[in-house]
Amino acid sequence: MNIIIYFLVLQAMYDLIIIGAGPIGMTCAIEAKRAGYSALMIDKGMLVNTLFHFPTNMTFFSTSLLLEIGDVPFVSHGEKPTRREALEYYRRVYESWKLEARFYEEVQEVNKADQTFTVKTDKGDYQSKAIVVATGFYDLPVLMDIPGESLPKVSHYYKEPHPYIDQKVVVVGAANSGCDVALELWHKGADVTMVIRDPEINDRVKYWIKPNIENRIEEGSIKAYFNSTVTSIAEKSVDIMTPDGSLTLENDYVLAMTGYRPDFSFLAKIGIHTHDNDEKGLIYNPDTHETSIPGLYVAGVVCGGLKTNKFFIENAREHADNIIRHLKSVHPAH
């Protein structure tokens, strides 16, 4: 019986397999279905896995209109939707379009032979005429590579402020996530210290957040060390290097909001190359989103490599149109 089931899984053939079931992966599946193609999404996590792991009380920078996909209206209570509203919206999109997906299934290999791709996961094999990689970048944090970073008190992800009430918390970084975290922790009673490698708060911080965090720092409610870095972490302290020399701070928790990066090892393994520069953007045709392997496409924020602020949902939705338009020119739908 197991052999028969495995054989049936092996023979599953699709016009398009999309690795990643985030908003852009869903958009690719929708546009494929609209064009008459069969499409399957495969994700090692859940539907819109990245959004689920965003902070519980997060509000999007974009409006609900800019987050819409598949001609499904996104109605939110405020101009800028919350994480909870986004999760509900994308669930409704998934159900409305009756998309096909395999969740909690990790892609291990992608191989091509005789114009057919075989996608091997930890649960089975699937075949398709084309592949879209839309894996995002949120799974792998940018590490500080310092002693003590692996201690339980250190996290590169943040969910909510309650565990940090009346605790001494060091927040590393001053981009949007670092500033959001610092303010929310301070509002809920944490003793917050920011360690910032730049001389000031990042200019890309949300316009309604930047003056707020700057005012809290100026009045001393939130302590901040600029032009500084964390050099080591211990159970009850943190060492930082400042322009005035080394300091040791009493500390209970470290939230390293240092950013995230794509899984470059996986991309290289399946044949997707990156530019040899600091940004490590993916190499692909910007008009078709096809890589150097015919039929293998990339879409969404992963295209920007380390420049993770280059693409968002609102300016990456067109990636799906470009891909399906090109796919129709080489593999017309039946």
Protein backbone atom coordinates (compact mmCIF):
# COMPACT_ATOMS: atom_id res chain seq x y z
CA MET A 1 0.00 0.00 0.00
CA ASN A 2 2.81 2.43 0.86
CA ILE A 3 4.48 1.73 -2.48
CA ILE A 4 1.26 2.50 -4.36
CA ILE A 5 0.74 5.77 -2.47
CA TYR A 6 4.33 6.83 -3.10
CA PHE A 7 3.94 6.04 -6.81
CA LEU A 8 0.81 8.20 -7.03
CA VAL A 9 2.58 11.11 -5.29
CA LEU A 10 5.57 10.73 -7.59
CA GLN A 11 3.32 10.97 -10.66
CA ALA A 12 1.58 14.18 -9.50
CA MET A 13 2.17 16.58 -12.42
CA TYR A 14 1.44 20.32 -12.33
CA ASP A 15 1.91 23.15 -14.76
CA LEU A 16 3.46 25.21 -11.98
CA ILE A 17 4.82 24.50 -8.51
CA ILE A 18 5.36 27.47 -6.21
CA ILE A 19 7.79 27.09 -3.34
CA GLY A 20 6.39 29.38 -0.66
CA ALA A 21 2.78 30.14 0.32
CA GLY A 22 3.09 33.77 1.31
CA PRO A 23 1.12 36.60 -0.34
CA ILE A 24 3.31 36.61 -3.46
CA GLY A 25 3.32 32.83 -3.74
CA MET A 26 -0.47 32.97 -3.48
CA THR A 27 -0.58 35.68 -6.16
CA CYS A 28 1.44 33.46 -8.49
CA ALA A 29 -0.96 30.57 -7.85
CA ILE A 30 -3.97 32.81 -8.48
CA GLU A 31 -2.60 34.19 -11.75
CA ALA A 32 -1.68 30.67 -12.86
CA LYS A 33 -5.20 29.46 -12.14
CA ARG A 34 -6.67 32.49 -13.90
CA ALA A 35 -4.60 31.56 -16.99
CA GLY A 36 -5.82 27.98 -16.95
CA TYR A 37 -2.78 26.33 -15.35
CA SER A 38 -2.72 23.81 -12.54
CA ALA A 39 -0.66 25.14 -9.64
CA LEU A 40 0.56 23.78 -6.32
CA MET A 41 2.09 25.75 -3.45
CA ILE A 42 4.49 23.98 -1.10
CA ASP A 43 5.56 25.60 2.17
CA LYS A 44 7.58 24.27 5.07
CA GLY A 45 5.29 26.23 7.37
CA MET A 46 1.68 27.37 7.26
CA LEU A 47 -0.23 29.69 4.94
CA VAL A 48 1.46 33.14 5.02
CA ASN A 49 3.90 31.69 7.53
CA THR A 50 5.97 34.87 7.80
CA LEU A 51 2.97 37.05 8.63
CA PHE A 52 1.94 34.65 11.37
CA HIS A 53 5.33 35.09 13.05
CA PHE A 54 5.19 38.89 12.95
CA PRO A 55 4.68 40.62 16.34
CA THR A 56 1.20 39.97 17.71
CA ASN A 57 0.21 43.66 17.83
CA MET A 58 1.91 44.72 14.60
CA THR A 59 0.27 47.23 12.26
CA PHE A 60 1.28 47.22 8.59
CA PHE A 61 2.94 50.25 7.03
CA SER A 62 0.88 49.70 3.86
CA THR A 63 -2.83 50.31 3.47
CA SER A 64 -5.21 47.38 3.05
CA LEU A 65 -5.73 48.35 -0.60
CA LEU A 66 -2.03 47.87 -1.35
CA LEU A 67 -2.07 44.43 0.29
CA GLU A 68 -4.95 43.11 -1.80
CA ILE A 69 -4.40 40.17 -4.15
CA GLY A 70 -6.61 38.16 -6.47
CA ASP A 71 -9.32 40.84 -6.75
CA VAL A 72 -10.52 40.01 -3.24
CA PRO A 73 -11.29 43.23 -1.28
CA PHE A 74 -9.35 43.73 1.94
CA VAL A 75 -11.53 45.59 4.44
CA SER A 76 -9.81 46.64 7.68
CA HIS A 77 -10.97 48.67 10.67
CA GLY A 78 -8.24 51.26 10.18
CA GLU A 79 -6.39 52.65 7.19
CA LYS A 80 -3.46 50.36 7.99
CA PRO A 81 -4.46 46.78 8.81
CA THR A 82 -3.23 44.71 11.71
CA ARG A 83 -1.46 41.37 11.59
CA ARG A 84 -4.62 39.63 12.75
CA GLU A 85 -6.67 41.24 9.97
CA ALA A 86 -4.06 40.27 7.38
CA LEU A 87 -4.07 36.63 8.50
CA GLU A 88 -7.85 36.50 8.17
CA TYR A 89 -7.75 38.25 4.80
CA TYR A 90 -5.22 35.90 3.20
CA ARG A 91 -7.10 32.89 4.59
CA ARG A 92 -10.22 34.16 2.81
CA VAL A 93 -8.25 34.67 -0.41
CA TYR A 94 -6.94 31.10 -0.17
CA GLU A 95 -10.44 29.73 0.29
CA SER A 96 -12.06 32.00 -2.31
CA TRP A 97 -9.67 30.89 -5.05
CA LYS A 98 -9.65 27.26 -3.86
CA LEU A 99 -5.88 27.17 -4.08
CA GLU A 100 -4.01 23.90 -3.69
CA ALA A 101 -1.17 23.71 -1.18
CA ARG A 102 0.97 21.36 0.87
CA PHE A 103 1.76 22.89 4.26
CA TYR A 104 4.42 21.82 6.75
CA GLU A 105 6.31 20.16 3.91
CA GLU A 106 9.91 21.17 3.29
CA VAL A 107 11.41 21.22 -0.21
CA GLN A 108 14.76 19.45 -0.24
CA GLU A 109 15.67 19.26 -3.92
CA VAL A 110 14.61 20.67 -7.28
CA ASN A 111 15.89 18.83 -10.36
CA LYS A 112 15.18 19.19 -14.05
CA ALA A 113 15.29 16.54 -16.76
CA ASP A 114 13.63 16.43 -20.19
CA GLN A 115 11.85 19.77 -19.65
CA THR A 116 10.25 18.50 -16.45
CA PHE A 117 11.04 19.58 -12.92
CA THR A 118 10.93 17.16 -10.01
CA VAL A 119 10.47 18.70 -6.58
CA LYS A 120 11.51 16.43 -3.74
CA THR A 121 10.17 17.23 -0.27
CA ASP A 122 10.41 15.49 3.08
CA LYS A 123 7.02 13.91 2.34
CA GLY A 124 6.99 13.09 -1.37
CA ASP A 125 7.92 14.01 -4.94
CA TYR A 126 6.02 16.27 -7.35
CA GLN A 127 6.53 17.14 -11.01
CA SER A 128 5.85 20.31 -12.95
CA LYS A 129 6.64 22.16 -16.13
CA ALA A 130 7.82 25.25 -14.24
CA ILE A 131 8.83 26.36 -10.76
CA VAL A 132 8.48 29.66 -8.88
CA VAL A 133 10.62 30.25 -5.81
CA ALA A 134 8.86 32.74 -3.51
CA THR A 135 10.44 31.85 -0.19
CA GLY A 136 10.91 35.33 1.30
CA PHE A 137 13.67 35.95 3.84
CA TYR A 138 12.19 35.84 7.35
CA ASP A 139 13.31 32.35 8.38
CA LEU A 140 16.99 33.13 8.88
CA PRO A 141 18.04 36.03 11.16
CA VAL A 142 21.20 38.00 10.54
CA LEU A 143 23.40 36.89 13.42
CA MET A 144 25.70 39.13 15.45
CA ASP A 145 28.27 36.30 15.71
CA ILE A 146 29.24 37.13 19.28
CA PRO A 147 29.73 35.04 22.45
CA GLY A 148 26.46 34.34 24.24
CA GLU A 149 24.18 34.87 21.23
CA SER A 150 22.80 31.35 21.63
CA LEU A 151 21.69 31.89 25.25
CA PRO A 152 17.95 31.40 25.93
CA LYS A 153 17.65 35.07 26.92
CA VAL A 154 18.47 36.14 23.34
CA SER A 155 15.86 36.21 20.58
CA HIS A 156 15.89 37.48 16.98
CA TYR A 157 12.10 37.41 16.91
CA TYR A 158 9.57 39.34 18.97
CA LYS A 159 5.95 38.44 19.65
CA GLU A 160 4.52 40.59 22.47
CA PRO A 161 5.61 42.70 25.47
CA HIS A 162 4.04 40.81 28.37
CA PRO A 163 7.04 38.53 29.18
CA TYR A 164 9.31 41.57 29.54
CA ILE A 165 7.34 43.55 32.13
CA ASP A 166 9.76 45.03 34.72
CA GLN A 167 12.74 43.42 32.96
CA LYS A 168 15.96 44.99 31.69
CA VAL A 169 15.84 44.54 27.92
CA VAL A 170 18.50 45.43 25.37
CA VAL A 171 17.09 46.03 21.88
CA VAL A 172 19.71 45.78 19.14
CA GLY A 173 18.97 47.80 16.00
CA ALA A 174 17.06 50.95 15.10
CA ALA A 175 15.18 50.12 11.93
CA ASN A 176 11.38 49.73 11.96
CA SER A 177 11.31 46.52 13.96
CA GLY A 178 13.81 47.72 16.57
CA CYS A 179 11.96 50.99 17.14
CA ASP A 180 8.55 49.31 17.26
CA VAL A 181 9.81 46.78 19.81
CA ALA A 182 11.53 49.39 21.98
CA LEU A 183 8.44 51.59 22.15
CA GLU A 184 6.01 48.77 22.87
CA LEU A 185 8.26 47.36 25.61
CA TRP A 186 8.64 50.80 27.21
CA HIS A 187 4.88 51.38 27.16
CA LYS A 188 4.36 48.08 28.99
CA GLY A 189 6.88 48.78 31.75
CA ALA A 190 10.17 47.29 30.58
CA ASP A 191 13.52 49.00 31.23
CA VAL A 192 14.66 49.46 27.63
CA THR A 193 18.15 50.15 26.30
CA MET A 194 18.82 50.40 22.57
CA VAL A 195 22.21 49.57 21.07
CA ILE A 196 22.51 51.18 17.64
CA ARG A 197 25.48 50.88 15.31
CA ASP A 198 24.52 54.01 13.35
CA PRO A 199 24.79 57.62 14.57
CA GLU A 200 21.00 58.13 14.54
CA ILE A 201 17.63 56.44 14.10
CA ASN A 202 17.28 54.98 10.60
CA ASP A 203 15.66 57.38 8.11
CA ARG A 204 13.44 54.56 6.80
CA VAL A 205 11.62 54.21 10.12
CA LYS A 206 7.85 54.81 9.78
CA TYR A 207 7.11 58.52 9.80
CA TRP A 208 4.78 58.26 12.81
CA ILE A 209 7.30 56.16 14.79
CA LYS A 210 10.54 58.08 14.20
CA PRO A 211 9.70 61.26 16.17
CA ASN A 212 8.17 59.16 18.94
CA ILE A 213 11.28 57.04 19.51
CA GLU A 214 13.56 60.08 19.18
CA ASN A 215 11.56 61.96 21.81
CA ARG A 216 11.64 58.98 24.20
CA ILE A 217 15.42 58.76 23.79
CA GLU A 218 15.88 62.52 24.24
CA GLU A 219 13.88 62.58 27.47
CA GLY A 220 15.72 59.52 28.78
CA SER A 221 12.71 57.21 28.96
CA ILE A 222 14.53 54.85 26.60
CA LYS A 223 18.31 54.72 26.91
CA ALA A 224 20.26 54.55 23.67
CA TYR A 225 23.91 54.05 22.72
CA PHE A 226 24.64 55.21 19.18
CA ASN A 227 27.69 54.20 17.11
CA SER A 228 27.78 51.15 19.37
CA THR A 229 27.67 47.36 19.11
CA VAL A 230 27.05 44.43 21.43
CA THR A 231 30.29 42.49 21.86
CA SER A 232 29.22 39.65 24.21
CA ILE A 233 26.24 38.43 26.20
CA ALA A 234 26.21 36.73 29.60
CA GLU A 235 23.40 35.37 31.79
CA LYS A 236 22.87 38.65 33.67
CA SER A 237 24.78 41.22 31.63
CA VAL A 238 25.66 42.51 28.18
CA ASP A 239 28.96 43.99 27.04
CA ILE A 240 28.82 46.78 24.48
CA MET A 241 31.45 48.84 22.72
CA THR A 242 30.66 52.56 22.53
CA PRO A 243 32.61 55.55 21.21
CA ASP A 244 33.66 56.13 24.84
CA GLY A 245 34.87 52.58 25.35
CA SER A 246 33.51 49.28 26.64
CA LEU A 247 30.52 49.11 29.00
CA THR A 248 28.85 46.26 30.89
CA LEU A 249 25.10 46.60 31.40
CA GLU A 250 22.88 44.63 33.75
CA ASN A 251 20.48 42.74 31.57
CA ASP A 252 17.68 40.15 31.58
CA TYR A 253 16.86 39.82 27.87
CA VAL A 254 18.33 40.72 24.48
CA LEU A 255 16.08 41.24 21.46
CA ALA A 256 18.33 41.33 18.40
CA MET A 257 16.33 43.11 15.71
CA THR A 258 19.23 42.77 13.29
CA GLY A 259 17.24 41.78 10.22
CA TYR A 260 16.83 38.59 8.24
CA ARG A 261 18.18 37.05 5.05
CA PRO A 262 17.16 34.56 2.35
CA ASP A 263 18.33 30.96 2.50
CA PHE A 264 21.19 31.40 0.04
CA SER A 265 22.38 27.81 0.49
CA PHE A 266 19.02 26.47 -0.66
CA LEU A 267 18.91 28.88 -3.60
CA ALA A 268 22.41 27.85 -4.71
CA LYS A 269 21.54 24.17 -4.30
CA ILE A 270 18.69 24.42 -6.82
CA GLY A 271 20.75 26.52 -9.25
CA ILE A 272 19.76 30.12 -8.49
CA HIS A 273 22.75 32.46 -8.48
CA THR A 274 23.29 35.82 -6.77
CA HIS A 275 25.22 38.93 -7.72
CA ASP A 276 28.72 39.10 -6.28
CA ASN A 277 28.26 42.25 -4.23
CA ASP A 278 27.13 43.33 -0.76
CA GLU A 279 23.44 43.10 -1.65
CA LYS A 280 23.58 39.55 -3.12
CA GLY A 281 20.46 40.17 -5.19
CA LEU A 282 19.26 37.20 -7.20
CA ILE A 283 20.27 36.91 -10.86
CA TYR A 284 17.17 36.76 -13.06
CA ASN A 285 15.54 38.47 -16.03
CA PRO A 286 13.57 41.40 -14.51
CA ASP A 287 11.06 41.29 -17.40
CA THR A 288 10.17 37.61 -17.01
CA HIS A 289 11.63 36.73 -13.56
CA GLU A 290 13.18 33.65 -15.14
CA THR A 291 16.57 32.58 -13.81
CA SER A 292 19.42 31.06 -15.81
CA ILE A 293 17.52 27.76 -15.71
CA PRO A 294 14.62 27.89 -18.20
CA GLY A 295 11.32 27.45 -16.41
CA LEU A 296 12.72 28.31 -12.98
CA TYR A 297 11.42 31.67 -11.76
CA VAL A 298 11.82 33.82 -8.66
CA ALA A 299 9.23 36.16 -7.14
CA GLY A 300 8.70 38.42 -4.15
CA VAL A 301 11.07 39.79 -1.56
CA VAL A 302 13.61 36.99 -2.05
CA CYS A 303 14.61 38.63 -5.34
CA GLY A 304 16.31 41.47 -3.47
CA GLY A 305 18.78 39.22 -1.67
CA LEU A 306 20.17 41.01 1.37
CA LYS A 307 18.38 44.22 0.36
CA THR A 308 15.24 43.05 2.09
CA ASN A 309 13.52 46.45 1.88
CA LYS A 310 13.58 46.48 -1.94
CA PHE A 311 10.38 44.50 -2.48
CA PHE A 312 7.14 44.45 -0.51
CA ILE A 313 3.76 42.90 -1.19
CA GLU A 314 2.55 46.02 -2.97
CA ASN A 315 5.45 46.30 -5.43
CA ALA A 316 5.99 42.55 -5.90
CA ARG A 317 2.46 41.60 -6.96
CA GLU A 318 3.44 42.34 -10.56
CA HIS A 319 6.06 39.58 -10.40
CA ALA A 320 3.26 37.04 -10.81
CA ASP A 321 1.96 38.80 -13.94
CA ASN A 322 5.44 38.81 -15.47
CA ILE A 323 5.96 35.13 -14.74
CA ILE A 324 2.60 33.90 -16.02
CA ARG A 325 2.85 36.07 -19.13
CA HIS A 326 6.19 34.47 -19.97
CA LEU A 327 4.99 30.99 -19.06
CA LYS A 328 2.08 31.38 -21.49
CA SER A 329 4.54 32.19 -24.28
CA VAL A 330 6.55 28.99 -23.78
CA HIS A 331 3.93 26.58 -22.36
CA PRO A 332 0.45 27.61 -23.52
CA ALA A 333 -2.33 26.35 -21.27
CA HIS A 334 -4.49 23.57 -22.70
